[in-house]
Amino acid sequence: MTKQIEPMPEEVKALEGFLLYIKFKNGEEKIYDMNEMLKFDYYKNLRKKEIFKTVKPFGITLKWETGEDIAPEKIYFNSIPINEYKFEIKEMK
């Protein structure tokens, strides 16, 4: 039996600046910056706002309609708690 370390995401919203708002099942709310990831070819489809906005929780991670996902430990450990995020948060239009 494996033990899950990272909390599971239950809600995600695409934000301006290619950020993600993520609410985890343990109640934590965090901001994840996708800009570094978008430099990789694997994520090239997500550079289009219309596709980036299709992000959804998918089990222990996040997934886009074009098949891209992120390692669960990245979205949890490399994100910033929302109360520590110092910039304006705007949902992507």
PDB file of N, CA and C in Angstrom:
ATOM      1  N   MET A   1       0.844  -1.192   0.000  1.00  0.00           N
ATOM      2  CA  MET A   1       0.000   0.000   0.000  1.00  0.00           C
ATOM      3  C   MET A   1       0.883   1.248   0.000  1.00  0.00           C
ATOM      4  N   THR A   2       0.585   2.184  -0.897  1.00  0.00           N
ATOM      5  CA  THR A   2       1.366   3.412  -0.948  1.00  0.00           C
ATOM      6  C   THR A   2       0.672   4.506  -0.159  1.00  0.00           C
ATOM      7  N   LYS A   3       1.483   5.369   0.394  1.00  0.00           N
ATOM      8  CA  LYS A   3       0.953   6.481   1.170  1.00  0.00           C
ATOM      9  C   LYS A   3       1.037   7.747   0.329  1.00  0.00           C
ATOM     10  N   GLN A   4      -0.077   8.443   0.199  1.00  0.00           N
ATOM     11  CA  GLN A   4      -0.105   9.692  -0.558  1.00  0.00           C
ATOM     12  C   GLN A   4       0.399  10.813   0.336  1.00  0.00           C
ATOM     13  N   ILE A   5       1.368  11.565  -0.151  1.00  0.00           N
ATOM     14  CA  ILE A   5       1.941  12.651   0.632  1.00  0.00           C
ATOM     15  C   ILE A   5       1.278  13.982   0.291  1.00  0.00           C
ATOM     16  N   GLU A   6       1.157  14.274  -1.007  1.00  0.00           N
ATOM     17  CA  GLU A   6       0.602  15.554  -1.426  1.00  0.00           C
ATOM     18  C   GLU A   6      -0.923  15.532  -1.367  1.00  0.00           C
ATOM     19  N   PRO A   7      -1.530  16.605  -0.852  1.00  0.00           N
ATOM     20  CA  PRO A   7      -2.994  16.689  -0.884  1.00  0.00           C
ATOM     21  C   PRO A   7      -3.495  16.729  -2.323  1.00  0.00           C
ATOM     22  N   MET A   8      -4.683  16.200  -2.530  1.00  0.00           N
ATOM     23  CA  MET A   8      -5.273  16.177  -3.875  1.00  0.00           C
ATOM     24  C   MET A   8      -5.928  17.522  -4.198  1.00  0.00           C
ATOM     25  N   PRO A   9      -5.765  18.003  -5.434  1.00  0.00           N
ATOM     26  CA  PRO A   9      -6.457  19.224  -5.831  1.00  0.00           C
ATOM     27  C   PRO A   9      -7.943  18.935  -6.036  1.00  0.00           C
ATOM     28  N   GLU A  10      -8.782  19.862  -5.613  1.00  0.00           N
ATOM     29  CA  GLU A  10     -10.218  19.684  -5.816  1.00  0.00           C
ATOM     30  C   GLU A  10     -10.809  20.774  -6.694  1.00  0.00           C
ATOM     31  N   GLU A  11     -10.071  21.867  -6.861  1.00  0.00           N
ATOM     32  CA  GLU A  11     -10.547  22.969  -7.696  1.00  0.00           C
ATOM     33  C   GLU A  11      -9.333  23.654  -8.314  1.00  0.00           C
ATOM     34  N   VAL A  12      -9.479  24.096  -9.542  1.00  0.00           N
ATOM     35  CA  VAL A  12      -8.401  24.835 -10.209  1.00  0.00           C
ATOM     36  C   VAL A  12      -9.017  25.876 -11.129  1.00  0.00           C
ATOM     37  N   LYS A  13      -8.371  27.041 -11.191  1.00  0.00           N
ATOM     38  CA  LYS A  13      -8.798  28.106 -12.093  1.00  0.00           C
ATOM     39  C   LYS A  13      -7.567  28.659 -12.801  1.00  0.00           C
ATOM     40  N   ALA A  14      -7.701  28.891 -14.093  1.00  0.00           N
ATOM     41  CA  ALA A  14      -6.649  29.535 -14.861  1.00  0.00           C
ATOM     42  C   ALA A  14      -6.693  31.031 -14.572  1.00  0.00           C
ATOM     43  N   LEU A  15      -5.529  31.601 -14.269  1.00  0.00           N
ATOM     44  CA  LEU A  15      -5.425  33.019 -13.952  1.00  0.00           C
ATOM     45  C   LEU A  15      -4.595  33.733 -15.008  1.00  0.00           C
ATOM     46  N   GLU A  16      -4.788  35.054 -15.083  1.00  0.00           N
ATOM     47  CA  GLU A  16      -3.975  35.867 -15.991  1.00  0.00           C
ATOM     48  C   GLU A  16      -2.503  35.655 -15.665  1.00  0.00           C
ATOM     49  N   GLY A  17      -1.661  35.767 -16.689  1.00  0.00           N
ATOM     50  CA  GLY A  17      -0.234  35.585 -16.503  1.00  0.00           C
ATOM     51  C   GLY A  17       0.185  34.122 -16.466  1.00  0.00           C
ATOM     52  N   PHE A  18      -0.717  33.229 -16.898  1.00  0.00           N
ATOM     53  CA  PHE A  18      -0.472  31.781 -16.919  1.00  0.00           C
ATOM     54  C   PHE A  18      -0.150  31.239 -15.525  1.00  0.00           C
ATOM     55  N   LEU A  19      -0.967  31.694 -14.587  1.00  0.00           N
ATOM     56  CA  LEU A  19      -0.918  31.185 -13.222  1.00  0.00           C
ATOM     57  C   LEU A  19      -2.108  30.261 -13.018  1.00  0.00           C
ATOM     58  N   LEU A  20      -2.023  29.419 -12.008  1.00  0.00           N
ATOM     59  CA  LEU A  20      -3.135  28.552 -11.634  1.00  0.00           C
ATOM     60  C   LEU A  20      -3.484  28.773 -10.172  1.00  0.00           C
ATOM     61  N   TYR A  21      -4.774  28.961  -9.901  1.00  0.00           N
ATOM     62  CA  TYR A  21      -5.272  28.935  -8.527  1.00  0.00           C
ATOM     63  C   TYR A  21      -5.657  27.492  -8.264  1.00  0.00           C
ATOM     64  N   ILE A  22      -5.141  26.931  -7.177  1.00  0.00           N
ATOM     65  CA  ILE A  22      -5.455  25.539  -6.844  1.00  0.00           C
ATOM     66  C   ILE A  22      -5.939  25.465  -5.406  1.00  0.00           C
ATOM     67  N   LYS A  23      -7.096  24.850  -5.229  1.00  0.00           N
ATOM     68  CA  LYS A  23      -7.596  24.557  -3.885  1.00  0.00           C
ATOM     69  C   LYS A  23      -7.459  23.051  -3.690  1.00  0.00           C
ATOM     70  N   PHE A  24      -6.804  22.674  -2.602  1.00  0.00           N
ATOM     71  CA  PHE A  24      -6.577  21.272  -2.303  1.00  0.00           C
ATOM     72  C   PHE A  24      -7.628  20.750  -1.331  1.00  0.00           C
ATOM     73  N   LYS A  25      -7.802  19.437  -1.306  1.00  0.00           N
ATOM     74  CA  LYS A  25      -8.822  18.826  -0.454  1.00  0.00           C
ATOM     75  C   LYS A  25      -8.587  19.059   1.030  1.00  0.00           C
ATOM     76  N   ASN A  26      -7.365  19.412   1.416  1.00  0.00           N
ATOM     77  CA  ASN A  26      -7.086  19.715   2.823  1.00  0.00           C
ATOM     78  C   ASN A  26      -7.424  21.165   3.170  1.00  0.00           C
ATOM     79  N   GLY A  27      -7.976  21.915   2.198  1.00  0.00           N
ATOM     80  CA  GLY A  27      -8.386  23.295   2.426  1.00  0.00           C
ATOM     81  C   GLY A  27      -7.355  24.336   2.025  1.00  0.00           C
ATOM     82  N   GLU A  28      -6.131  23.919   1.731  1.00  0.00           N
ATOM     83  CA  GLU A  28      -5.104  24.872   1.330  1.00  0.00           C
ATOM     84  C   GLU A  28      -5.425  25.453  -0.045  1.00  0.00           C
ATOM     85  N   GLU A  29      -5.111  26.735  -0.214  1.00  0.00           N
ATOM     86  CA  GLU A  29      -5.278  27.421  -1.487  1.00  0.00           C
ATOM     87  C   GLU A  29      -3.911  27.965  -1.886  1.00  0.00           C
ATOM     88  N   LYS A  30      -3.507  27.669  -3.122  1.00  0.00           N
ATOM     89  CA  LYS A  30      -2.177  28.057  -3.571  1.00  0.00           C
ATOM     90  C   LYS A  30      -2.214  28.602  -4.991  1.00  0.00           C
ATOM     91  N   ILE A  31      -1.124  29.296  -5.351  1.00  0.00           N
ATOM     92  CA  ILE A  31      -0.933  29.819  -6.698  1.00  0.00           C
ATOM     93  C   ILE A  31       0.290  29.116  -7.297  1.00  0.00           C
ATOM     94  N   TYR A  32       0.108  28.574  -8.502  1.00  0.00           N
ATOM     95  CA  TYR A  32       1.201  27.900  -9.199  1.00  0.00           C
ATOM     96  C   TYR A  32       1.489  28.659 -10.488  1.00  0.00           C
ATOM     97  N   ASP A  33       2.747  29.020 -10.688  1.00  0.00           N
ATOM     98  CA  ASP A  33       3.176  29.765 -11.866  1.00  0.00           C
ATOM     99  C   ASP A  33       3.622  28.779 -12.943  1.00  0.00           C
ATOM    100  N   MET A  34       2.929  28.775 -14.073  1.00  0.00           N
ATOM    101  CA  MET A  34       3.228  27.852 -15.177  1.00  0.00           C
ATOM    102  C   MET A  34       4.257  28.401 -16.171  1.00  0.00           C
ATOM    103  N   ASN A  35       4.732  29.615 -15.999  1.00  0.00           N
ATOM    104  CA  ASN A  35       5.577  30.243 -17.018  1.00  0.00           C
ATOM    105  C   ASN A  35       6.849  29.463 -17.336  1.00  0.00           C
ATOM    106  N   GLU A  36       7.527  28.920 -16.352  1.00  0.00           N
ATOM    107  CA  GLU A  36       8.729  28.127 -16.622  1.00  0.00           C
ATOM    108  C   GLU A  36       8.383  26.847 -17.375  1.00  0.00           C
ATOM    109  N   MET A  37       7.277  26.218 -17.010  1.00  0.00           N
ATOM    110  CA  MET A  37       6.857  24.977 -17.656  1.00  0.00           C
ATOM    111  C   MET A  37       6.498  25.212 -19.128  1.00  0.00           C
ATOM    112  N   LEU A  38       5.931  26.381 -19.417  1.00  0.00           N
ATOM    113  CA  LEU A  38       5.507  26.678 -20.790  1.00  0.00           C
ATOM    114  C   LEU A  38       6.677  26.801 -21.759  1.00  0.00           C
ATOM    115  N   LYS A  39       7.889  26.881 -21.260  1.00  0.00           N
ATOM    116  CA  LYS A  39       9.075  26.934 -22.120  1.00  0.00           C
ATOM    117  C   LYS A  39       9.377  25.578 -22.750  1.00  0.00           C
ATOM    118  N   PHE A  40       8.843  24.505 -22.174  1.00  0.00           N
ATOM    119  CA  PHE A  40       9.092  23.160 -22.688  1.00  0.00           C
ATOM    120  C   PHE A  40       8.089  22.816 -23.786  1.00  0.00           C
ATOM    121  N   ASP A  41       8.549  22.105 -24.809  1.00  0.00           N
ATOM    122  CA  ASP A  41       7.689  21.716 -25.929  1.00  0.00           C
ATOM    123  C   ASP A  41       6.463  20.930 -25.484  1.00  0.00           C
ATOM    124  N   TYR A  42       6.609  20.118 -24.443  1.00  0.00           N
ATOM    125  CA  TYR A  42       5.476  19.311 -23.957  1.00  0.00           C
ATOM    126  C   TYR A  42       4.264  20.196 -23.640  1.00  0.00           C
ATOM    127  N   TYR A  43       4.512  21.403 -23.182  1.00  0.00           N
ATOM    128  CA  TYR A  43       3.436  22.313 -22.776  1.00  0.00           C
ATOM    129  C   TYR A  43       3.115  23.388 -23.819  1.00  0.00           C
ATOM    130  N   LYS A  44       3.630  23.262 -25.046  1.00  0.00           N
ATOM    131  CA  LYS A  44       3.457  24.327 -26.044  1.00  0.00           C
ATOM    132  C   LYS A  44       1.988  24.640 -26.336  1.00  0.00           C
ATOM    133  N   ASN A  45       1.097  23.651 -26.303  1.00  0.00           N
ATOM    134  CA  ASN A  45      -0.330  23.908 -26.545  1.00  0.00           C
ATOM    135  C   ASN A  45      -0.926  24.853 -25.510  1.00  0.00           C
ATOM    136  N   LEU A  46      -0.376  24.813 -24.300  1.00  0.00           N
ATOM    137  CA  LEU A  46      -0.927  25.607 -23.203  1.00  0.00           C
ATOM    138  C   LEU A  46      -0.565  27.082 -23.293  1.00  0.00           C
ATOM    139  N   ARG A  47       0.270  27.439 -24.250  1.00  0.00           N
ATOM    140  CA  ARG A  47       0.603  28.847 -24.464  1.00  0.00           C
ATOM    141  C   ARG A  47      -0.583  29.607 -25.053  1.00  0.00           C
ATOM    142  N   LYS A  48      -1.573  28.864 -25.551  1.00  0.00           N
ATOM    143  CA  LYS A  48      -2.813  29.464 -26.065  1.00  0.00           C
ATOM    144  C   LYS A  48      -3.799  29.544 -24.903  1.00  0.00           C
ATOM    145  N   LYS A  49      -4.269  30.746 -24.628  1.00  0.00           N
ATOM    146  CA  LYS A  49      -5.168  30.950 -23.485  1.00  0.00           C
ATOM    147  C   LYS A  49      -6.390  30.037 -23.532  1.00  0.00           C
ATOM    148  N   GLU A  50      -6.951  29.830 -24.725  1.00  0.00           N
ATOM    149  CA  GLU A  50      -8.165  29.022 -24.848  1.00  0.00           C
ATOM    150  C   GLU A  50      -7.919  27.594 -24.340  1.00  0.00           C
ATOM    151  N   ILE A  51      -6.739  27.083 -24.596  1.00  0.00           N
ATOM    152  CA  ILE A  51      -6.408  25.726 -24.143  1.00  0.00           C
ATOM    153  C   ILE A  51      -5.995  25.747 -22.675  1.00  0.00           C
ATOM    154  N   PHE A  52      -5.205  26.737 -22.273  1.00  0.00           N
ATOM    155  CA  PHE A  52      -4.756  26.839 -20.882  1.00  0.00           C
ATOM    156  C   PHE A  52      -5.960  26.835 -19.924  1.00  0.00           C
ATOM    157  N   LYS A  53      -7.035  27.492 -20.328  1.00  0.00           N
ATOM    158  CA  LYS A  53      -8.226  27.601 -19.477  1.00  0.00           C
ATOM    159  C   LYS A  53      -8.982  26.286 -19.316  1.00  0.00           C
ATOM    160  N   THR A  54      -8.619  25.241 -20.058  1.00  0.00           N
ATOM    161  CA  THR A  54      -9.341  23.963 -19.960  1.00  0.00           C
ATOM    162  C   THR A  54      -8.831  23.081 -18.818  1.00  0.00           C
ATOM    163  N   VAL A  55      -7.943  23.584 -17.992  1.00  0.00           N
ATOM    164  CA  VAL A  55      -7.372  22.799 -16.892  1.00  0.00           C
ATOM    165  C   VAL A  55      -8.462  22.323 -15.927  1.00  0.00           C
ATOM    166  N   LYS A  56      -8.306  21.073 -15.464  1.00  0.00           N
ATOM    167  CA  LYS A  56      -9.257  20.455 -14.518  1.00  0.00           C
ATOM    168  C   LYS A  56      -8.475  19.592 -13.527  1.00  0.00           C
ATOM    169  N   PRO A  57      -9.016  19.435 -12.317  1.00  0.00           N
ATOM    170  CA  PRO A  57      -8.419  18.446 -11.408  1.00  0.00           C
ATOM    171  C   PRO A  57      -8.584  17.060 -12.028  1.00  0.00           C
ATOM    172  N   PHE A  58      -7.576  16.220 -11.870  1.00  0.00           N
ATOM    173  CA  PHE A  58      -7.607  14.872 -12.435  1.00  0.00           C
ATOM    174  C   PHE A  58      -6.889  13.951 -11.453  1.00  0.00           C
ATOM    175  N   GLY A  59      -7.652  13.369 -10.543  1.00  0.00           N
ATOM    176  CA  GLY A  59      -7.051  12.510  -9.516  1.00  0.00           C
ATOM    177  C   GLY A  59      -6.110  13.308  -8.634  1.00  0.00           C
ATOM    178  N   ILE A  60      -4.834  12.915  -8.619  1.00  0.00           N
ATOM    179  CA  ILE A  60      -3.859  13.590  -7.763  1.00  0.00           C
ATOM    180  C   ILE A  60      -3.162  14.750  -8.448  1.00  0.00           C
ATOM    181  N   THR A  61      -3.560  15.065  -9.678  1.00  0.00           N
ATOM    182  CA  THR A  61      -2.879  16.114 -10.432  1.00  0.00           C
ATOM    183  C   THR A  61      -3.881  17.007 -11.155  1.00  0.00           C
ATOM    184  N   LEU A  62      -3.388  17.772 -12.115  1.00  0.00           N
ATOM    185  CA  LEU A  62      -4.200  18.617 -12.981  1.00  0.00           C
ATOM    186  C   LEU A  62      -3.965  18.166 -14.406  1.00  0.00           C
ATOM    187  N   LYS A  63      -4.986  18.319 -15.248  1.00  0.00           N
ATOM    188  CA  LYS A  63      -4.855  17.872 -16.632  1.00  0.00           C
ATOM    189  C   LYS A  63      -5.607  18.837 -17.534  1.00  0.00           C
ATOM    190  N   TRP A  64      -5.089  18.982 -18.765  1.00  0.00           N
ATOM    191  CA  TRP A  64      -5.718  19.818 -19.774  1.00  0.00           C
ATOM    192  C   TRP A  64      -6.380  18.946 -20.822  1.00  0.00           C
ATOM    193  N   GLU A  65      -7.325  19.514 -21.573  1.00  0.00           N
ATOM    194  CA  GLU A  65      -8.057  18.738 -22.589  1.00  0.00           C
ATOM    195  C   GLU A  65      -7.145  18.192 -23.680  1.00  0.00           C
ATOM    196  N   THR A  66      -5.969  18.770 -23.859  1.00  0.00           N
ATOM    197  CA  THR A  66      -5.018  18.300 -24.871  1.00  0.00           C
ATOM    198  C   THR A  66      -4.072  17.237 -24.312  1.00  0.00           C
ATOM    199  N   GLY A  67      -4.271  16.817 -23.042  1.00  0.00           N
ATOM    200  CA  GLY A  67      -3.532  15.703 -22.473  1.00  0.00           C
ATOM    201  C   GLY A  67      -2.380  16.047 -21.552  1.00  0.00           C
ATOM    202  N   GLU A  68      -1.944  17.288 -21.509  1.00  0.00           N
ATOM    203  CA  GLU A  68      -0.837  17.656 -20.633  1.00  0.00           C
ATOM    204  C   GLU A  68      -1.253  17.538 -19.165  1.00  0.00           C
ATOM    205  N   ASP A  69      -0.282  17.191 -18.341  1.00  0.00           N
ATOM    206  CA  ASP A  69      -0.503  17.169 -16.896  1.00  0.00           C
ATOM    207  C   ASP A  69       0.762  17.633 -16.198  1.00  0.00           C
ATOM    208  N   ILE A  70       0.708  17.712 -14.880  1.00  0.00           N
ATOM    209  CA  ILE A  70       1.852  18.165 -14.085  1.00  0.00           C
ATOM    210  C   ILE A  70       2.064  17.160 -12.964  1.00  0.00           C
ATOM    211  N   ALA A  71       3.308  16.908 -12.618  1.00  0.00           N
ATOM    212  CA  ALA A  71       3.609  16.016 -11.497  1.00  0.00           C
ATOM    213  C   ALA A  71       2.971  16.583 -10.228  1.00  0.00           C
ATOM    214  N   PRO A  72       2.255  15.746  -9.467  1.00  0.00           N
ATOM    215  CA  PRO A  72       1.542  16.234  -8.280  1.00  0.00           C
ATOM    216  C   PRO A  72       2.442  16.953  -7.277  1.00  0.00           C
ATOM    217  N   GLU A  73       3.675  16.475  -7.119  1.00  0.00           N
ATOM    218  CA  GLU A  73       4.565  17.138  -6.159  1.00  0.00           C
ATOM    219  C   GLU A  73       4.938  18.546  -6.608  1.00  0.00           C
ATOM    220  N   LYS A  74       4.971  18.784  -7.917  1.00  0.00           N
ATOM    221  CA  LYS A  74       5.271  20.134  -8.414  1.00  0.00           C
ATOM    222  C   LYS A  74       4.146  21.105  -8.071  1.00  0.00           C
ATOM    223  N   ILE A  75       2.901  20.695  -8.332  1.00  0.00           N
ATOM    224  CA  ILE A  75       1.801  21.637  -8.092  1.00  0.00           C
ATOM    225  C   ILE A  75       1.622  21.941  -6.606  1.00  0.00           C
ATOM    226  N   TYR A  76       2.051  21.043  -5.749  1.00  0.00           N
ATOM    227  CA  TYR A  76       1.908  21.304  -4.318  1.00  0.00           C
ATOM    228  C   TYR A  76       3.137  22.016  -3.746  1.00  0.00           C
ATOM    229  N   PHE A  77       4.312  21.438  -3.936  1.00  0.00           N
ATOM    230  CA  PHE A  77       5.512  21.963  -3.296  1.00  0.00           C
ATOM    231  C   PHE A  77       6.099  23.185  -3.999  1.00  0.00           C
ATOM    232  N   ASN A  78       5.782  23.407  -5.275  1.00  0.00           N
ATOM    233  CA  ASN A  78       6.320  24.561  -5.997  1.00  0.00           C
ATOM    234  C   ASN A  78       5.299  25.684  -6.150  1.00  0.00           C
ATOM    235  N   SER A  79       4.246  25.632  -5.378  1.00  0.00           N
ATOM    236  CA  SER A  79       3.235  26.690  -5.434  1.00  0.00           C
ATOM    237  C   SER A  79       3.328  27.545  -4.164  1.00  0.00           C
ATOM    238  N   ILE A  80       2.726  28.707  -4.246  1.00  0.00           N
ATOM    239  CA  ILE A  80       2.784  29.682  -3.157  1.00  0.00           C
ATOM    240  C   ILE A  80       1.429  29.735  -2.455  1.00  0.00           C
ATOM    241  N   PRO A  81       1.409  29.632  -1.133  1.00  0.00           N
ATOM    242  CA  PRO A  81       0.132  29.795  -0.430  1.00  0.00           C
ATOM    243  C   PRO A  81      -0.505  31.133  -0.805  1.00  0.00           C
ATOM    244  N   ILE A  82      -1.795  31.114  -1.020  1.00  0.00           N
ATOM    245  CA  ILE A  82      -2.485  32.308  -1.526  1.00  0.00           C
ATOM    246  C   ILE A  82      -2.307  33.508  -0.602  1.00  0.00           C
ATOM    247  N   ASN A  83      -2.210  33.288   0.694  1.00  0.00           N
ATOM    248  CA  ASN A  83      -2.052  34.413   1.628  1.00  0.00           C
ATOM    249  C   ASN A  83      -0.639  35.000   1.583  1.00  0.00           C
ATOM    250  N   GLU A  84       0.302  34.329   0.916  1.00  0.00           N
ATOM    251  CA  GLU A  84       1.669  34.847   0.762  1.00  0.00           C
ATOM    252  C   GLU A  84       1.908  35.428  -0.630  1.00  0.00           C
ATOM    253  N   TYR A  85       0.939  35.271  -1.522  1.00  0.00           N
ATOM    254  CA  TYR A  85       1.088  35.755  -2.897  1.00  0.00           C
ATOM    255  C   TYR A  85       0.845  37.252  -2.908  1.00  0.00           C
ATOM    256  N   LYS A  86       1.808  38.021  -3.395  1.00  0.00           N
ATOM    257  CA  LYS A  86       1.780  39.485  -3.263  1.00  0.00           C
ATOM    258  C   LYS A  86       1.257  40.248  -4.477  1.00  0.00           C
ATOM    259  N   PHE A  87       0.844  39.540  -5.522  1.00  0.00           N
ATOM    260  CA  PHE A  87       0.418  40.216  -6.747  1.00  0.00           C
ATOM    261  C   PHE A  87      -1.090  40.065  -6.945  1.00  0.00           C
ATOM    262  N   GLU A  88      -1.616  40.866  -7.861  1.00  0.00           N
ATOM    263  CA  GLU A  88      -3.060  40.807  -8.163  1.00  0.00           C
ATOM    264  C   GLU A  88      -3.408  39.454  -8.791  1.00  0.00           C
ATOM    265  N   ILE A  89      -4.527  38.910  -8.366  1.00  0.00           N
ATOM    266  CA  ILE A  89      -5.001  37.635  -8.883  1.00  0.00           C
ATOM    267  C   ILE A  89      -6.254  37.902  -9.711  1.00  0.00           C
ATOM    268  N   LYS A  90      -6.165  37.600 -11.021  1.00  0.00           N
ATOM    269  CA  LYS A  90      -7.297  37.827 -11.915  1.00  0.00           C
ATOM    270  C   LYS A  90      -7.530  36.569 -12.721  1.00  0.00           C
ATOM    271  N   GLU A  91      -8.782  36.134 -12.785  1.00  0.00           N
ATOM    272  CA  GLU A  91      -9.123  34.963 -13.589  1.00  0.00           C
ATOM    273  C   GLU A  91      -8.870  35.258 -15.067  1.00  0.00           C
ATOM    274  N   MET A  92      -8.346  34.260 -15.782  1.00  0.00           N
ATOM    275  CA  MET A  92      -8.015  34.421 -17.198  1.00  0.00           C
ATOM    276  C   MET A  92      -9.294  34.582 -18.006  1.00  0.00           C
ATOM    277  N   LYS A  93      -9.290  35.565 -18.907  1.00  0.00           N
ATOM    278  CA  LYS A  93     -10.459  35.810 -19.768  1.00  0.00           C
ATOM    279  C   LYS A  93     -10.207  35.315 -21.161  1.00  0.00           C
TER     280      LYS A  93
END
